[in-house]
C-alpha atoms as a PDB file:
ATOM      1  CA  MET A   1       7.010  11.119  48.361  1.00  0.00           C
ATOM      2  CA  LYS A   2       7.953  10.463  44.677  1.00  0.00           C
ATOM      3  CA  ILE A   3       5.856  11.622  41.819  1.00  0.00           C
ATOM      4  CA  PRO A   4       6.049   8.769  39.097  1.00  0.00           C
ATOM      5  CA  LEU A   5       7.637  10.321  35.766  1.00  0.00           C
ATOM      6  CA  GLU A   6       5.017   8.857  33.579  1.00  0.00           C
ATOM      7  CA  LYS A   7       2.319  10.785  35.584  1.00  0.00           C
ATOM      8  CA  LEU A   8       4.159  14.102  34.861  1.00  0.00           C
ATOM      9  CA  ILE A   9       4.821  13.147  31.323  1.00  0.00           C
ATOM     10  CA  ASP A  10       1.275  11.791  30.346  1.00  0.00           C
ATOM     11  CA  ASN A  11      -0.627  14.702  32.178  1.00  0.00           C
ATOM     12  CA  ASP A  12      -2.620  16.943  29.823  1.00  0.00           C
ATOM     13  CA  SER A  13      -3.744  19.645  32.023  1.00  0.00           C
ATOM     14  CA  ASN A  14      -2.621  23.102  31.973  1.00  0.00           C
ATOM     15  CA  VAL A  15       0.796  23.285  33.564  1.00  0.00           C
ATOM     16  CA  TYR A  16       0.640  26.725  34.245  1.00  0.00           C
ATOM     17  CA  GLU A  17      -2.579  26.548  36.081  1.00  0.00           C
ATOM     18  CA  MET A  18      -1.395  23.432  38.137  1.00  0.00           C
ATOM     19  CA  THR A  19       1.794  25.290  39.251  1.00  0.00           C
ATOM     20  CA  CYS A  20      -0.140  28.307  40.449  1.00  0.00           C
ATOM     21  CA  VAL A  21      -2.479  25.856  42.373  1.00  0.00           C
ATOM     22  CA  ALA A  22       0.457  23.852  43.815  1.00  0.00           C
ATOM     23  CA  ILE A  23       2.271  26.944  44.821  1.00  0.00           C
ATOM     24  CA  LYS A  24      -0.842  28.492  46.675  1.00  0.00           C
ATOM     25  CA  GLU A  25      -1.668  25.191  48.318  1.00  0.00           C
ATOM     26  CA  ALA A  26       2.076  24.616  49.249  1.00  0.00           C
ATOM     27  CA  ASP A  27       2.085  28.058  50.831  1.00  0.00           C
ATOM     28  CA  ILE A  28      -1.120  27.266  52.834  1.00  0.00           C
ATOM     29  CA  TYR A  29       0.278  24.000  54.088  1.00  0.00           C
ATOM     30  CA  SER A  30       3.598  25.736  54.940  1.00  0.00           C
ATOM     31  CA  ALA A  31       1.719  28.011  57.309  1.00  0.00           C
ATOM     32  CA  THR A  32      -0.123  25.235  59.112  1.00  0.00           C
ATOM     33  CA  ASP A  33       0.446  22.363  61.285  1.00  0.00           C
ATOM     34  CA  THR A  34      -0.269  20.412  57.961  1.00  0.00           C
ATOM     35  CA  GLY A  35       3.206  21.454  56.627  1.00  0.00           C
ATOM     36  CA  LYS A  36       4.963  20.524  59.951  1.00  0.00           C
ATOM     37  CA  ASP A  37       3.462  16.997  59.780  1.00  0.00           C
ATOM     38  CA  ILE A  38       4.496  16.489  56.140  1.00  0.00           C
ATOM     39  CA  GLU A  39       8.031  17.299  57.042  1.00  0.00           C
ATOM     40  CA  ALA A  40       7.987  15.340  60.099  1.00  0.00           C
ATOM     41  CA  ARG A  41       7.257  12.164  57.972  1.00  0.00           C
ATOM     42  CA  GLY A  42      10.524  13.237  56.103  1.00  0.00           C
ATOM     43  CA  ASP A  43       8.386  14.287  52.790  1.00  0.00           C
ATOM     44  CA  LYS A  44       8.348  17.689  50.993  1.00  0.00           C
ATOM     45  CA  ILE A  45       5.264  19.890  50.875  1.00  0.00           C
ATOM     46  CA  VAL A  46       5.695  20.740  47.103  1.00  0.00           C
ATOM     47  CA  SER A  47       6.079  16.829  46.404  1.00  0.00           C
ATOM     48  CA  VAL A  48       2.826  16.476  48.360  1.00  0.00           C
ATOM     49  CA  VAL A  49       0.919  18.968  46.827  1.00  0.00           C
ATOM     50  CA  LEU A  50       2.121  18.481  43.227  1.00  0.00           C
ATOM     51  CA  THR A  51       1.065  14.905  43.706  1.00  0.00           C
ATOM     52  CA  ARG A  52      -2.313  15.790  44.979  1.00  0.00           C
ATOM     53  CA  ALA A  53      -2.630  18.147  41.789  1.00  0.00           C
ATOM     54  CA  LEU A  54      -1.631  15.469  39.553  1.00  0.00           C
ATOM     55  CA  ASN A  55      -4.258  12.965  41.186  1.00  0.00           C
ATOM     56  CA  ASN A  56      -7.057  15.742  40.901  1.00  0.00           C
ATOM     57  CA  GLU A  57      -7.263  15.817  44.589  1.00  0.00           C
ATOM     58  CA  ILE A  58      -7.143  19.564  44.853  1.00  0.00           C
ATOM     59  CA  GLU A  59     -10.511  21.304  43.389  1.00  0.00           C
ATOM     60  CA  TYR A  60     -10.066  25.054  41.766  1.00  0.00           C
ATOM     61  CA  THR A  61     -11.846  26.966  39.541  1.00  0.00           C
ATOM     62  CA  GLU A  62     -10.213  28.292  36.519  1.00  0.00           C
ATOM     63  CA  GLY A  63      -9.312  31.757  36.710  1.00  0.00           C
ATOM     64  CA  LYS A  64      -9.681  34.354  33.815  1.00  0.00           C
ATOM     65  CA  SER A  65      -6.599  36.481  33.038  1.00  0.00           C
ATOM     66  CA  LYS A  66      -7.009  40.397  32.539  1.00  0.00           C
END
């Protein structure tokens, strides 16, 4: 799964938050059959999760730092 470069460049969301969300989601995928299915298709889990994050397919709430 390839992420269009324009999608990354044009993204105006908080990159730090998106990265945190992607890392947590990728960790969840890696521990389940979903991750195995993604890898069986020849895709990378992080690429799939990042694409979902860029397409606003992952819902999360903004956290507050202490």
